[in-house]
Amino acid sequence: MPKRILLIDDEERLSEVVQTCLEIMAGWEVLTAATAKEGLFKAQKEHPDAILLDVMMPEMDGITLFRHLQQNLATQSIPVILLTAKMQPVDQAQFAQLGVAGVIAKPFDALTLADEVTKLLKLS
């Protein structure tokens, strides 16, 4: 059975690229959400194997959403990988303290994205 990944990102074009890469290169089923609220709902309803989460989104940022996921018994065990352009040392330190499964810098290489996600989730 293929892995199910939930991608939560407000950039539609980026979501399409990520979805295509992970479906074609890794054979995973990719669910998408364009807002944090929609992402939280889908995470609770669908129980994906992992979540790729954009840090900078309108309404609710990815860090706040991650904290909501951690507080919810239904979603707290789902590994989360952050997608972000915020890669300054202070940002890295904040991400490390959160307890996320990993961080992937934007822009990323579409051809190696599936491998990077696999490595971070320790699926190989």
PDB file of N, CA and C in Angstrom:
ATOM      1  N   MET A   1       0.850  -1.191   0.000  1.00  0.00           N
ATOM      2  CA  MET A   1       0.000   0.000   0.000  1.00  0.00           C
ATOM      3  C   MET A   1       0.892   1.248   0.000  1.00  0.00           C
ATOM      4  N   PRO A   2       0.631   2.197  -0.902  1.00  0.00           N
ATOM      5  CA  PRO A   2       1.498   3.373  -0.983  1.00  0.00           C
ATOM      6  C   PRO A   2       1.377   4.256   0.263  1.00  0.00           C
ATOM      7  N   LYS A   3       2.464   4.962   0.565  1.00  0.00           N
ATOM      8  CA  LYS A   3       2.450   5.936   1.656  1.00  0.00           C
ATOM      9  C   LYS A   3       1.528   7.077   1.263  1.00  0.00           C
ATOM     10  N   ARG A   4       0.859   7.625   2.271  1.00  0.00           N
ATOM     11  CA  ARG A   4      -0.009   8.790   2.049  1.00  0.00           C
ATOM     12  C   ARG A   4       0.614   9.993   2.725  1.00  0.00           C
ATOM     13  N   ILE A   5       0.882  11.006   1.920  1.00  0.00           N
ATOM     14  CA  ILE A   5       1.515  12.228   2.391  1.00  0.00           C
ATOM     15  C   ILE A   5       0.508  13.366   2.256  1.00  0.00           C
ATOM     16  N   LEU A   6       0.386  14.174   3.310  1.00  0.00           N
ATOM     17  CA  LEU A   6      -0.462  15.370   3.244  1.00  0.00           C
ATOM     18  C   LEU A   6       0.450  16.573   3.062  1.00  0.00           C
ATOM     19  N   LEU A   7       0.257  17.298   1.979  1.00  0.00           N
ATOM     20  CA  LEU A   7       1.008  18.515   1.709  1.00  0.00           C
ATOM     21  C   LEU A   7       0.123  19.711   2.044  1.00  0.00           C
ATOM     22  N   ILE A   8       0.611  20.551   2.953  1.00  0.00           N
ATOM     23  CA  ILE A   8      -0.134  21.757   3.334  1.00  0.00           C
ATOM     24  C   ILE A   8       0.700  22.959   2.905  1.00  0.00           C
ATOM     25  N   ASP A   9       0.262  23.629   1.838  1.00  0.00           N
ATOM     26  CA  ASP A   9       1.009  24.756   1.275  1.00  0.00           C
ATOM     27  C   ASP A   9       0.035  25.644   0.519  1.00  0.00           C
ATOM     28  N   ASP A  10       0.167  26.956   0.696  1.00  0.00           N
ATOM     29  CA  ASP A  10      -0.753  27.893   0.045  1.00  0.00           C
ATOM     30  C   ASP A  10      -0.344  28.246  -1.381  1.00  0.00           C
ATOM     31  N   GLU A  11       0.848  27.819  -1.822  1.00  0.00           N
ATOM     32  CA  GLU A  11       1.293  28.103  -3.194  1.00  0.00           C
ATOM     33  C   GLU A  11       0.845  26.974  -4.112  1.00  0.00           C
ATOM     34  N   GLU A  12      -0.153  27.251  -4.936  1.00  0.00           N
ATOM     35  CA  GLU A  12      -0.759  26.219  -5.777  1.00  0.00           C
ATOM     36  C   GLU A  12       0.238  25.570  -6.741  1.00  0.00           C
ATOM     37  N   ARG A  13       1.071  26.371  -7.401  1.00  0.00           N
ATOM     38  CA  ARG A  13       2.030  25.803  -8.363  1.00  0.00           C
ATOM     39  C   ARG A  13       3.040  24.899  -7.665  1.00  0.00           C
ATOM     40  N   LEU A  14       3.512  25.326  -6.504  1.00  0.00           N
ATOM     41  CA  LEU A  14       4.456  24.513  -5.752  1.00  0.00           C
ATOM     42  C   LEU A  14       3.803  23.203  -5.323  1.00  0.00           C
ATOM     43  N   SER A  15       2.567  23.269  -4.880  1.00  0.00           N
ATOM     44  CA  SER A  15       1.845  22.063  -4.471  1.00  0.00           C
ATOM     45  C   SER A  15       1.730  21.075  -5.620  1.00  0.00           C
ATOM     46  N   GLU A  16       1.463  21.591  -6.818  1.00  0.00           N
ATOM     47  CA  GLU A  16       1.350  20.717  -7.995  1.00  0.00           C
ATOM     48  C   GLU A  16       2.673  20.026  -8.285  1.00  0.00           C
ATOM     49  N   VAL A  17       3.783  20.761  -8.179  1.00  0.00           N
ATOM     50  CA  VAL A  17       5.110  20.189  -8.430  1.00  0.00           C
ATOM     51  C   VAL A  17       5.422  19.099  -7.402  1.00  0.00           C
ATOM     52  N   VAL A  18       5.201  19.414  -6.130  1.00  0.00           N
ATOM     53  CA  VAL A  18       5.476  18.453  -5.063  1.00  0.00           C
ATOM     54  C   VAL A  18       4.618  17.205  -5.243  1.00  0.00           C
ATOM     55  N   GLN A  19       3.339  17.404  -5.490  1.00  0.00           N
ATOM     56  CA  GLN A  19       2.426  16.271  -5.668  1.00  0.00           C
ATOM     57  C   GLN A  19       2.878  15.385  -6.823  1.00  0.00           C
ATOM     58  N   THR A  20       3.191  15.990  -7.961  1.00  0.00           N
ATOM     59  CA  THR A  20       3.632  15.232  -9.129  1.00  0.00           C
ATOM     60  C   THR A  20       4.921  14.466  -8.832  1.00  0.00           C
ATOM     61  N   CYS A  21       5.887  15.132  -8.214  1.00  0.00           N
ATOM     62  CA  CYS A  21       7.177  14.489  -7.901  1.00  0.00           C
ATOM     63  C   CYS A  21       6.980  13.278  -6.998  1.00  0.00           C
ATOM     64  N   LEU A  22       6.230  13.442  -5.936  1.00  0.00           N
ATOM     65  CA  LEU A  22       6.081  12.360  -4.964  1.00  0.00           C
ATOM     66  C   LEU A  22       5.229  11.213  -5.511  1.00  0.00           C
ATOM     67  N   GLU A  23       4.253  11.543  -6.333  1.00  0.00           N
ATOM     68  CA  GLU A  23       3.422  10.478  -6.909  1.00  0.00           C
ATOM     69  C   GLU A  23       4.196   9.692  -7.971  1.00  0.00           C
ATOM     70  N   ILE A  24       4.913  10.400  -8.838  1.00  0.00           N
ATOM     71  CA  ILE A  24       5.621   9.724  -9.928  1.00  0.00           C
ATOM     72  C   ILE A  24       6.903   9.051  -9.436  1.00  0.00           C
ATOM     73  N   MET A  25       7.702   9.752  -8.651  1.00  0.00           N
ATOM     74  CA  MET A  25       9.014   9.229  -8.267  1.00  0.00           C
ATOM     75  C   MET A  25       8.971   8.261  -7.088  1.00  0.00           C
ATOM     76  N   ALA A  26       7.979   8.415  -6.221  1.00  0.00           N
ATOM     77  CA  ALA A  26       7.940   7.540  -5.039  1.00  0.00           C
ATOM     78  C   ALA A  26       6.704   6.642  -5.017  1.00  0.00           C
ATOM     79  N   GLY A  27       5.738   6.935  -5.886  1.00  0.00           N
ATOM     80  CA  GLY A  27       4.525   6.129  -5.921  1.00  0.00           C
ATOM     81  C   GLY A  27       3.616   6.358  -4.729  1.00  0.00           C
ATOM     82  N   TRP A  28       3.746   7.529  -4.086  1.00  0.00           N
ATOM     83  CA  TRP A  28       2.929   7.838  -2.923  1.00  0.00           C
ATOM     84  C   TRP A  28       1.625   8.495  -3.332  1.00  0.00           C
ATOM     85  N   GLU A  29       0.650   8.389  -2.467  1.00  0.00           N
ATOM     86  CA  GLU A  29      -0.604   9.123  -2.638  1.00  0.00           C
ATOM     87  C   GLU A  29      -0.416  10.457  -1.920  1.00  0.00           C
ATOM     88  N   VAL A  30      -0.654  11.559  -2.626  1.00  0.00           N
ATOM     89  CA  VAL A  30      -0.454  12.883  -2.037  1.00  0.00           C
ATOM     90  C   VAL A  30      -1.788  13.601  -1.921  1.00  0.00           C
ATOM     91  N   LEU A  31      -2.132  13.949  -0.696  1.00  0.00           N
ATOM     92  CA  LEU A  31      -3.313  14.762  -0.415  1.00  0.00           C
ATOM     93  C   LEU A  31      -2.823  16.195  -0.268  1.00  0.00           C
ATOM     94  N   THR A  32      -3.631  17.158  -0.671  1.00  0.00           N
ATOM     95  CA  THR A  32      -3.194  18.548  -0.557  1.00  0.00           C
ATOM     96  C   THR A  32      -4.216  19.382   0.203  1.00  0.00           C
ATOM     97  N   ALA A  33      -3.690  20.428   0.844  1.00  0.00           N
ATOM     98  CA  ALA A  33      -4.519  21.416   1.524  1.00  0.00           C
ATOM     99  C   ALA A  33      -3.879  22.776   1.286  1.00  0.00           C
ATOM    100  N   ALA A  34      -4.696  23.774   0.967  1.00  0.00           N
ATOM    101  CA  ALA A  34      -4.173  25.095   0.638  1.00  0.00           C
ATOM    102  C   ALA A  34      -4.125  26.036   1.839  1.00  0.00           C
ATOM    103  N   THR A  35      -4.755  25.647   2.947  1.00  0.00           N
ATOM    104  CA  THR A  35      -4.741  26.477   4.152  1.00  0.00           C
ATOM    105  C   THR A  35      -4.440  25.602   5.369  1.00  0.00           C
ATOM    106  N   ALA A  36      -4.002  26.249   6.427  1.00  0.00           N
ATOM    107  CA  ALA A  36      -3.707  25.523   7.663  1.00  0.00           C
ATOM    108  C   ALA A  36      -4.974  24.867   8.214  1.00  0.00           C
ATOM    109  N   LYS A  37      -6.081  25.581   8.150  1.00  0.00           N
ATOM    110  CA  LYS A  37      -7.347  25.051   8.664  1.00  0.00           C
ATOM    111  C   LYS A  37      -7.764  23.780   7.906  1.00  0.00           C
ATOM    112  N   GLU A  38      -7.671  23.838   6.580  1.00  0.00           N
ATOM    113  CA  GLU A  38      -7.992  22.678   5.749  1.00  0.00           C
ATOM    114  C   GLU A  38      -7.011  21.533   6.042  1.00  0.00           C
ATOM    115  N   GLY A  39      -5.744  21.884   6.235  1.00  0.00           N
ATOM    116  CA  GLY A  39      -4.729  20.884   6.540  1.00  0.00           C
ATOM    117  C   GLY A  39      -4.982  20.177   7.850  1.00  0.00           C
ATOM    118  N   LEU A  40      -5.377  20.919   8.858  1.00  0.00           N
ATOM    119  CA  LEU A  40      -5.683  20.333  10.169  1.00  0.00           C
ATOM    120  C   LEU A  40      -6.866  19.374  10.047  1.00  0.00           C
ATOM    121  N   PHE A  41      -7.888  19.782   9.320  1.00  0.00           N
ATOM    122  CA  PHE A  41      -9.062  18.941   9.102  1.00  0.00           C
ATOM    123  C   PHE A  41      -8.678  17.640   8.384  1.00  0.00           C
ATOM    124  N   LYS A  42      -7.899  17.769   7.298  1.00  0.00           N
ATOM    125  CA  LYS A  42      -7.515  16.578   6.532  1.00  0.00           C
ATOM    126  C   LYS A  42      -6.600  15.654   7.339  1.00  0.00           C
ATOM    127  N   ALA A  43      -5.719  16.230   8.146  1.00  0.00           N
ATOM    128  CA  ALA A  43      -4.825  15.414   8.979  1.00  0.00           C
ATOM    129  C   ALA A  43      -5.646  14.572   9.954  1.00  0.00           C
ATOM    130  N   GLN A  44      -6.666  15.176  10.542  1.00  0.00           N
ATOM    131  CA  GLN A  44      -7.521  14.467  11.504  1.00  0.00           C
ATOM    132  C   GLN A  44      -8.374  13.410  10.807  1.00  0.00           C
ATOM    133  N   LYS A  45      -8.876  13.734   9.625  1.00  0.00           N
ATOM    134  CA  LYS A  45      -9.789  12.854   8.910  1.00  0.00           C
ATOM    135  C   LYS A  45      -9.064  11.716   8.185  1.00  0.00           C
ATOM    136  N   GLU A  46      -7.938  12.024   7.553  1.00  0.00           N
ATOM    137  CA  GLU A  46      -7.258  11.076   6.664  1.00  0.00           C
ATOM    138  C   GLU A  46      -6.126  10.286   7.324  1.00  0.00           C
ATOM    139  N   HIS A  47      -5.588  10.777   8.426  1.00  0.00           N
ATOM    140  CA  HIS A  47      -4.454  10.134   9.123  1.00  0.00           C
ATOM    141  C   HIS A  47      -3.340   9.738   8.152  1.00  0.00           C
ATOM    142  N   PRO A  48      -2.702  10.742   7.503  1.00  0.00           N
ATOM    143  CA  PRO A  48      -1.635  10.425   6.549  1.00  0.00           C
ATOM    144  C   PRO A  48      -0.414   9.844   7.262  1.00  0.00           C
ATOM    145  N   ASP A  49       0.477   9.229   6.493  1.00  0.00           N
ATOM    146  CA  ASP A  49       1.718   8.673   7.043  1.00  0.00           C
ATOM    147  C   ASP A  49       2.700   9.780   7.426  1.00  0.00           C
ATOM    148  N   ALA A  50       2.579  10.929   6.752  1.00  0.00           N
ATOM    149  CA  ALA A  50       3.458  12.069   7.038  1.00  0.00           C
ATOM    150  C   ALA A  50       2.811  13.342   6.503  1.00  0.00           C
ATOM    151  N   ILE A  51       3.316  14.480   6.996  1.00  0.00           N
ATOM    152  CA  ILE A  51       2.819  15.786   6.564  1.00  0.00           C
ATOM    153  C   ILE A  51       4.001  16.636   6.116  1.00  0.00           C
ATOM    154  N   LEU A  52       3.887  17.235   4.934  1.00  0.00           N
ATOM    155  CA  LEU A  52       4.827  18.258   4.473  1.00  0.00           C
ATOM    156  C   LEU A  52       4.128  19.588   4.706  1.00  0.00           C
ATOM    157  N   LEU A  53       4.749  20.459   5.473  1.00  0.00           N
ATOM    158  CA  LEU A  53       4.074  21.664   5.952  1.00  0.00           C
ATOM    159  C   LEU A  53       4.866  22.922   5.634  1.00  0.00           C
ATOM    160  N   ASP A  54       4.251  23.833   4.889  1.00  0.00           N
ATOM    161  CA  ASP A  54       4.847  25.130   4.594  1.00  0.00           C
ATOM    162  C   ASP A  54       4.863  25.958   5.876  1.00  0.00           C
ATOM    163  N   VAL A  55       5.966  26.671   6.109  1.00  0.00           N
ATOM    164  CA  VAL A  55       6.070  27.480   7.325  1.00  0.00           C
ATOM    165  C   VAL A  55       5.323  28.801   7.190  1.00  0.00           C
ATOM    166  N   MET A  56       5.465  29.472   6.043  1.00  0.00           N
ATOM    167  CA  MET A  56       4.860  30.792   5.882  1.00  0.00           C
ATOM    168  C   MET A  56       3.561  30.698   5.084  1.00  0.00           C
ATOM    169  N   MET A  57       2.446  30.806   5.819  1.00  0.00           N
ATOM    170  CA  MET A  57       1.123  30.785   5.192  1.00  0.00           C
ATOM    171  C   MET A  57       0.280  31.884   5.820  1.00  0.00           C
ATOM    172  N   PRO A  58      -0.701  32.393   5.065  1.00  0.00           N
ATOM    173  CA  PRO A  58      -1.599  33.400   5.645  1.00  0.00           C
ATOM    174  C   PRO A  58      -2.514  32.764   6.700  1.00  0.00           C
ATOM    175  N   GLU A  59      -3.150  33.570   7.481  1.00  0.00           N
ATOM    176  CA  GLU A  59      -4.081  33.156   8.540  1.00  0.00           C
ATOM    177  C   GLU A  59      -3.362  32.463   9.692  1.00  0.00           C
ATOM    178  N   MET A  60      -2.831  31.253   9.462  1.00  0.00           N
ATOM    179  CA  MET A  60      -2.112  30.524  10.502  1.00  0.00           C
ATOM    180  C   MET A  60      -0.812  29.995   9.891  1.00  0.00           C
ATOM    181  N   ASP A  61       0.328  30.313  10.519  1.00  0.00           N
ATOM    182  CA  ASP A  61       1.591  29.831   9.958  1.00  0.00           C
ATOM    183  C   ASP A  61       1.815  28.360  10.298  1.00  0.00           C
ATOM    184  N   GLY A  62       2.813  27.775   9.645  1.00  0.00           N
ATOM    185  CA  GLY A  62       3.082  26.358   9.806  1.00  0.00           C
ATOM    186  C   GLY A  62       3.497  25.965  11.213  1.00  0.00           C
ATOM    187  N   ILE A  63       4.212  26.849  11.906  1.00  0.00           N
ATOM    188  CA  ILE A  63       4.648  26.549  13.279  1.00  0.00           C
ATOM    189  C   ILE A  63       3.439  26.434  14.193  1.00  0.00           C
ATOM    190  N   THR A  64       2.505  27.358  14.065  1.00  0.00           N
ATOM    191  CA  THR A  64       1.279  27.318  14.872  1.00  0.00           C
ATOM    192  C   THR A  64       0.478  26.065  14.548  1.00  0.00           C
ATOM    193  N   LEU A  65       0.365  25.730  13.259  1.00  0.00           N
ATOM    194  CA  LEU A  65      -0.359  24.527  12.860  1.00  0.00           C
ATOM    195  C   LEU A  65       0.324  23.280  13.425  1.00  0.00           C
ATOM    196  N   PHE A  66       1.667  23.246  13.383  1.00  0.00           N
ATOM    197  CA  PHE A  66       2.406  22.101  13.930  1.00  0.00           C
ATOM    198  C   PHE A  66       2.061  21.921  15.410  1.00  0.00           C
ATOM    199  N   ARG A  67       1.986  23.014  16.139  1.00  0.00           N
ATOM    200  CA  ARG A  67       1.647  22.929  17.574  1.00  0.00           C
ATOM    201  C   ARG A  67       0.230  22.379  17.765  1.00  0.00           C
ATOM    202  N   HIS A  68      -0.701  22.781  16.907  1.00  0.00           N
ATOM    203  CA  HIS A  68      -2.066  22.233  16.972  1.00  0.00           C
ATOM    204  C   HIS A  68      -2.050  20.729  16.705  1.00  0.00           C
ATOM    205  N   LEU A  69      -1.267  20.312  15.712  1.00  0.00           N
ATOM    206  CA  LEU A  69      -1.168  18.888  15.387  1.00  0.00           C
ATOM    207  C   LEU A  69      -0.598  18.102  16.574  1.00  0.00           C
ATOM    208  N   GLN A  70       0.375  18.689  17.263  1.00  0.00           N
ATOM    209  CA  GLN A  70       1.009  18.020  18.397  1.00  0.00           C
ATOM    210  C   GLN A  70       0.077  17.899  19.603  1.00  0.00           C
ATOM    211  N   GLN A  71      -0.848  18.848  19.729  1.00  0.00           N
ATOM    212  CA  GLN A  71      -1.772  18.850  20.869  1.00  0.00           C
ATOM    213  C   GLN A  71      -2.957  17.913  20.664  1.00  0.00           C
ATOM    214  N   ASN A  72      -3.148  17.446  19.437  1.00  0.00           N
ATOM    215  CA  ASN A  72      -4.295  16.612  19.104  1.00  0.00           C
ATOM    216  C   ASN A  72      -3.886  15.135  19.122  1.00  0.00           C
ATOM    217  N   LEU A  73      -4.553  14.334  19.930  1.00  0.00           N
ATOM    218  CA  LEU A  73      -4.211  12.912  20.037  1.00  0.00           C
ATOM    219  C   LEU A  73      -4.280  12.184  18.696  1.00  0.00           C
ATOM    220  N   ALA A  74      -5.180  12.606  17.832  1.00  0.00           N
ATOM    221  CA  ALA A  74      -5.361  11.942  16.534  1.00  0.00           C
ATOM    222  C   ALA A  74      -4.217  12.226  15.563  1.00  0.00           C
ATOM    223  N   THR A  75      -3.481  13.327  15.784  1.00  0.00           N
ATOM    224  CA  THR A  75      -2.462  13.725  14.807  1.00  0.00           C
ATOM    225  C   THR A  75      -1.054  13.847  15.394  1.00  0.00           C
ATOM    226  N   GLN A  76      -0.898  13.736  16.687  1.00  0.00           N
ATOM    227  CA  GLN A  76       0.413  14.026  17.287  1.00  0.00           C
ATOM    228  C   GLN A  76       1.509  13.035  16.912  1.00  0.00           C
ATOM    229  N   SER A  77       1.152  11.845  16.460  1.00  0.00           N
ATOM    230  CA  SER A  77       2.182  10.867  16.093  1.00  0.00           C
ATOM    231  C   SER A  77       2.560  10.925  14.613  1.00  0.00           C
ATOM    232  N   ILE A  78       1.918  11.800  13.842  1.00  0.00           N
ATOM    233  CA  ILE A  78       2.233  11.916  12.411  1.00  0.00           C
ATOM    234  C   ILE A  78       3.512  12.740  12.250  1.00  0.00           C
ATOM    235  N   PRO A  79       4.552  12.174  11.592  1.00  0.00           N
ATOM    236  CA  PRO A  79       5.775  12.954  11.391  1.00  0.00           C
ATOM    237  C   PRO A  79       5.530  14.134  10.448  1.00  0.00           C
ATOM    238  N   VAL A  80       6.145  15.272  10.800  1.00  0.00           N
ATOM    239  CA  VAL A  80       5.973  16.499  10.019  1.00  0.00           C
ATOM    240  C   VAL A  80       7.330  16.969   9.513  1.00  0.00           C
ATOM    241  N   ILE A  81       7.379  17.275   8.207  1.00  0.00           N
ATOM    242  CA  ILE A  81       8.562  17.878   7.594  1.00  0.00           C
ATOM    243  C   ILE A  81       8.175  19.294   7.176  1.00  0.00           C
ATOM    244  N   LEU A  82       8.964  20.265   7.611  1.00  0.00           N
ATOM    245  CA  LEU A  82       8.693  21.647   7.249  1.00  0.00           C
ATOM    246  C   LEU A  82       9.307  21.972   5.891  1.00  0.00           C
ATOM    247  N   LEU A  83       8.578  22.727   5.086  1.00  0.00           N
ATOM    248  CA  LEU A  83       9.072  23.277   3.824  1.00  0.00           C
ATOM    249  C   LEU A  83       9.213  24.776   4.039  1.00  0.00           C
ATOM    250  N   THR A  84      10.419  25.318   3.878  1.00  0.00           N
ATOM    251  CA  THR A  84      10.578  26.730   4.197  1.00  0.00           C
ATOM    252  C   THR A  84      11.743  27.383   3.468  1.00  0.00           C
ATOM    253  N   ALA A  85      11.586  28.669   3.227  1.00  0.00           N
ATOM    254  CA  ALA A  85      12.682  29.482   2.710  1.00  0.00           C
ATOM    255  C   ALA A  85      13.441  30.112   3.880  1.00  0.00           C
ATOM    256  N   LYS A  86      12.906  29.981   5.086  1.00  0.00           N
ATOM    257  CA  LYS A  86      13.533  30.567   6.289  1.00  0.00           C
ATOM    258  C   LYS A  86      14.605  29.613   6.807  1.00  0.00           C
ATOM    259  N   MET A  87      15.841  29.836   6.370  1.00  0.00           N
ATOM    260  CA  MET A  87      16.917  28.912   6.727  1.00  0.00           C
ATOM    261  C   MET A  87      18.051  29.600   7.494  1.00  0.00           C
ATOM    262  N   GLN A  88      17.749  30.728   8.150  1.00  0.00           N
ATOM    263  CA  GLN A  88      18.762  31.389   8.970  1.00  0.00           C
ATOM    264  C   GLN A  88      19.030  30.537  10.214  1.00  0.00           C
ATOM    265  N   PRO A  89      20.211  30.671  10.817  1.00  0.00           N
ATOM    266  CA  PRO A  89      20.517  29.876  12.019  1.00  0.00           C
ATOM    267  C   PRO A  89      19.457  29.990  13.122  1.00  0.00           C
ATOM    268  N   VAL A  90      18.894  31.166  13.315  1.00  0.00           N
ATOM    269  CA  VAL A  90      17.869  31.330  14.352  1.00  0.00           C
ATOM    270  C   VAL A  90      16.612  30.521  13.999  1.00  0.00           C
ATOM    271  N   ASP A  91      16.272  30.476  12.710  1.00  0.00           N
ATOM    272  CA  ASP A  91      15.129  29.675  12.265  1.00  0.00           C
ATOM    273  C   ASP A  91      15.419  28.193  12.465  1.00  0.00           C
ATOM    274  N   GLN A  92      16.622  27.771  12.078  1.00  0.00           N
ATOM    275  CA  GLN A  92      17.020  26.372  12.214  1.00  0.00           C
ATOM    276  C   GLN A  92      16.927  25.930  13.678  1.00  0.00           C
ATOM    277  N   ALA A  93      17.381  26.794  14.583  1.00  0.00           N
ATOM    278  CA  ALA A  93      17.344  26.468  16.014  1.00  0.00           C
ATOM    279  C   ALA A  93      15.897  26.309  16.483  1.00  0.00           C
ATOM    280  N   GLN A  94      15.013  27.193  16.019  1.00  0.00           N
ATOM    281  CA  GLN A  94      13.596  27.104  16.392  1.00  0.00           C
ATOM    282  C   GLN A  94      12.995  25.799  15.874  1.00  0.00           C
ATOM    283  N   PHE A  95      13.295  25.444  14.630  1.00  0.00           N
ATOM    284  CA  PHE A  95      12.748  24.225  14.041  1.00  0.00           C
ATOM    285  C   PHE A  95      13.247  22.990  14.803  1.00  0.00           C
ATOM    286  N   ALA A  96      14.523  22.993  15.171  1.00  0.00           N
ATOM    287  CA  ALA A  96      15.103  21.860  15.889  1.00  0.00           C
ATOM    288  C   ALA A  96      14.407  21.652  17.237  1.00  0.00           C
ATOM    289  N   GLN A  97      14.041  22.732  17.899  1.00  0.00           N
ATOM    290  CA  GLN A  97      13.381  22.640  19.205  1.00  0.00           C
ATOM    291  C   GLN A  97      11.943  22.131  19.098  1.00  0.00           C
ATOM    292  N   LEU A  98      11.334  22.280  17.930  1.00  0.00           N
ATOM    293  CA  LEU A  98       9.939  21.865  17.762  1.00  0.00           C
ATOM    294  C   LEU A  98       9.760  20.352  17.813  1.00  0.00           C
ATOM    295  N   GLY A  99      10.760  19.635  17.310  1.00  0.00           N
ATOM    296  CA  GLY A  99      10.629  18.188  17.236  1.00  0.00           C
ATOM    297  C   GLY A  99      10.036  17.703  15.923  1.00  0.00           C
ATOM    298  N   VAL A 100      10.264  18.472  14.855  1.00  0.00           N
ATOM    299  CA  VAL A 100       9.785  18.030  13.542  1.00  0.00           C
ATOM    300  C   VAL A 100      10.702  16.925  13.017  1.00  0.00           C
ATOM    301  N   ALA A 101      10.204  16.155  12.053  1.00  0.00           N
ATOM    302  CA  ALA A 101      10.992  15.069  11.467  1.00  0.00           C
ATOM    303  C   ALA A 101      12.135  15.606  10.621  1.00  0.00           C
ATOM    304  N   GLY A 102      11.994  16.829  10.120  1.00  0.00           N
ATOM    305  CA  GLY A 102      13.043  17.427   9.300  1.00  0.00           C
ATOM    306  C   GLY A 102      12.594  18.723   8.667  1.00  0.00           C
ATOM    307  N   VAL A 103      13.525  19.344   7.951  1.00  0.00           N
ATOM    308  CA  VAL A 103      13.267  20.610   7.268  1.00  0.00           C
ATOM    309  C   VAL A 103      13.830  20.501   5.857  1.00  0.00           C
ATOM    310  N   ILE A 104      13.039  20.899   4.880  1.00  0.00           N
ATOM    311  CA  ILE A 104      13.498  20.954   3.485  1.00  0.00           C
ATOM    312  C   ILE A 104      13.444  22.411   3.055  1.00  0.00           C
ATOM    313  N   ALA A 105      14.593  22.893   2.560  1.00  0.00           N
ATOM    314  CA  ALA A 105      14.699  24.290   2.152  1.00  0.00           C
ATOM    315  C   ALA A 105      14.036  24.525   0.806  1.00  0.00           C
ATOM    316  N   LYS A 106      13.335  25.642   0.704  1.00  0.00           N
ATOM    317  CA  LYS A 106      12.809  26.120  -0.574  1.00  0.00           C
ATOM    318  C   LYS A 106      13.819  27.118  -1.114  1.00  0.00           C
ATOM    319  N   PRO A 107      14.112  27.159  -2.381  1.00  0.00           N
ATOM    320  CA  PRO A 107      13.631  26.201  -3.375  1.00  0.00           C
ATOM    321  C   PRO A 107      14.374  24.872  -3.231  1.00  0.00           C
ATOM    322  N   PHE A 108      13.701  23.796  -3.564  1.00  0.00           N
ATOM    323  CA  PHE A 108      14.294  22.463  -3.474  1.00  0.00           C
ATOM    324  C   PHE A 108      14.430  21.878  -4.873  1.00  0.00           C
ATOM    325  N   ASP A 109      15.209  20.823  -4.978  1.00  0.00           N
ATOM    326  CA  ASP A 109      15.394  20.132  -6.257  1.00  0.00           C
ATOM    327  C   ASP A 109      14.256  19.124  -6.405  1.00  0.00           C
ATOM    328  N   ALA A 110      13.388  19.348  -7.369  1.00  0.00           N
ATOM    329  CA  ALA A 110      12.229  18.478  -7.560  1.00  0.00           C
ATOM    330  C   ALA A 110      12.635  17.023  -7.811  1.00  0.00           C
ATOM    331  N   LEU A 111      13.778  16.821  -8.456  1.00  0.00           N
ATOM    332  CA  LEU A 111      14.211  15.464  -8.786  1.00  0.00           C
ATOM    333  C   LEU A 111      14.680  14.665  -7.569  1.00  0.00           C
ATOM    334  N   THR A 112      15.105  15.357  -6.516  1.00  0.00           N
ATOM    335  CA  THR A 112      15.581  14.648  -5.327  1.00  0.00           C
ATOM    336  C   THR A 112      14.617  14.766  -4.146  1.00  0.00           C
ATOM    337  N   LEU A 113      13.491  15.426  -4.350  1.00  0.00           N
ATOM    338  CA  LEU A 113      12.543  15.641  -3.250  1.00  0.00           C
ATOM    339  C   LEU A 113      12.068  14.336  -2.619  1.00  0.00           C
ATOM    340  N   ALA A 114      11.663  13.373  -3.428  1.00  0.00           N
ATOM    341  CA  ALA A 114      11.162  12.104  -2.887  1.00  0.00           C
ATOM    342  C   ALA A 114      12.236  11.405  -2.061  1.00  0.00           C
ATOM    343  N   ASP A 115      13.489  11.427  -2.542  1.00  0.00           N
ATOM    344  CA  ASP A 115      14.588  10.817  -1.789  1.00  0.00           C
ATOM    345  C   ASP A 115      14.811  11.525  -0.460  1.00  0.00           C
ATOM    346  N   GLU A 116      14.734  12.858  -0.484  1.00  0.00           N
ATOM    347  CA  GLU A 116      14.938  13.640   0.735  1.00  0.00           C
ATOM    348  C   GLU A 116      13.845  13.338   1.766  1.00  0.00           C
ATOM    349  N   VAL A 117      12.597  13.281   1.303  1.00  0.00           N
ATOM    350  CA  VAL A 117      11.481  12.970   2.201  1.00  0.00           C
ATOM    351  C   VAL A 117      11.652  11.557   2.760  1.00  0.00           C
ATOM    352  N   THR A 118      12.007  10.621   1.899  1.00  0.00           N
ATOM    353  CA  THR A 118      12.222   9.227   2.336  1.00  0.00           C
ATOM    354  C   THR A 118      13.288   9.150   3.428  1.00  0.00           C
ATOM    355  N   LYS A 119      14.387   9.884   3.208  1.00  0.00           N
ATOM    356  CA  LYS A 119      15.488   9.878   4.176  1.00  0.00           C
ATOM    357  C   LYS A 119      15.044  10.494   5.506  1.00  0.00           C
ATOM    358  N   LEU A 120      14.358  11.612   5.459  1.00  0.00           N
ATOM    359  CA  LEU A 120      13.921  12.286   6.692  1.00  0.00           C
ATOM    360  C   LEU A 120      12.920  11.441   7.483  1.00  0.00           C
ATOM    361  N   LEU A 121      12.083  10.707   6.759  1.00  0.00           N
ATOM    362  CA  LEU A 121      11.064   9.876   7.425  1.00  0.00           C
ATOM    363  C   LEU A 121      11.607   8.484   7.763  1.00  0.00           C
ATOM    364  N   LYS A 122      12.865   8.243   7.357  1.00  0.00           N
ATOM    365  CA  LYS A 122      13.505   6.952   7.612  1.00  0.00           C
ATOM    366  C   LYS A 122      12.671   5.787   7.040  1.00  0.00           C
ATOM    367  N   LEU A 123      12.239   5.974   5.786  1.00  0.00           N
ATOM    368  CA  LEU A 123      11.399   4.967   5.121  1.00  0.00           C
ATOM    369  C   LEU A 123      12.217   3.962   4.332  1.00  0.00           C
ATOM    370  N   SER A 124      13.462   4.297   4.036  1.00  0.00           N
ATOM    371  CA  SER A 124      14.255   3.394   3.189  1.00  0.00           C
ATOM    372  C   SER A 124      14.885   2.265   3.982  1.00  0.00           C
TER     373      SER A 124
END
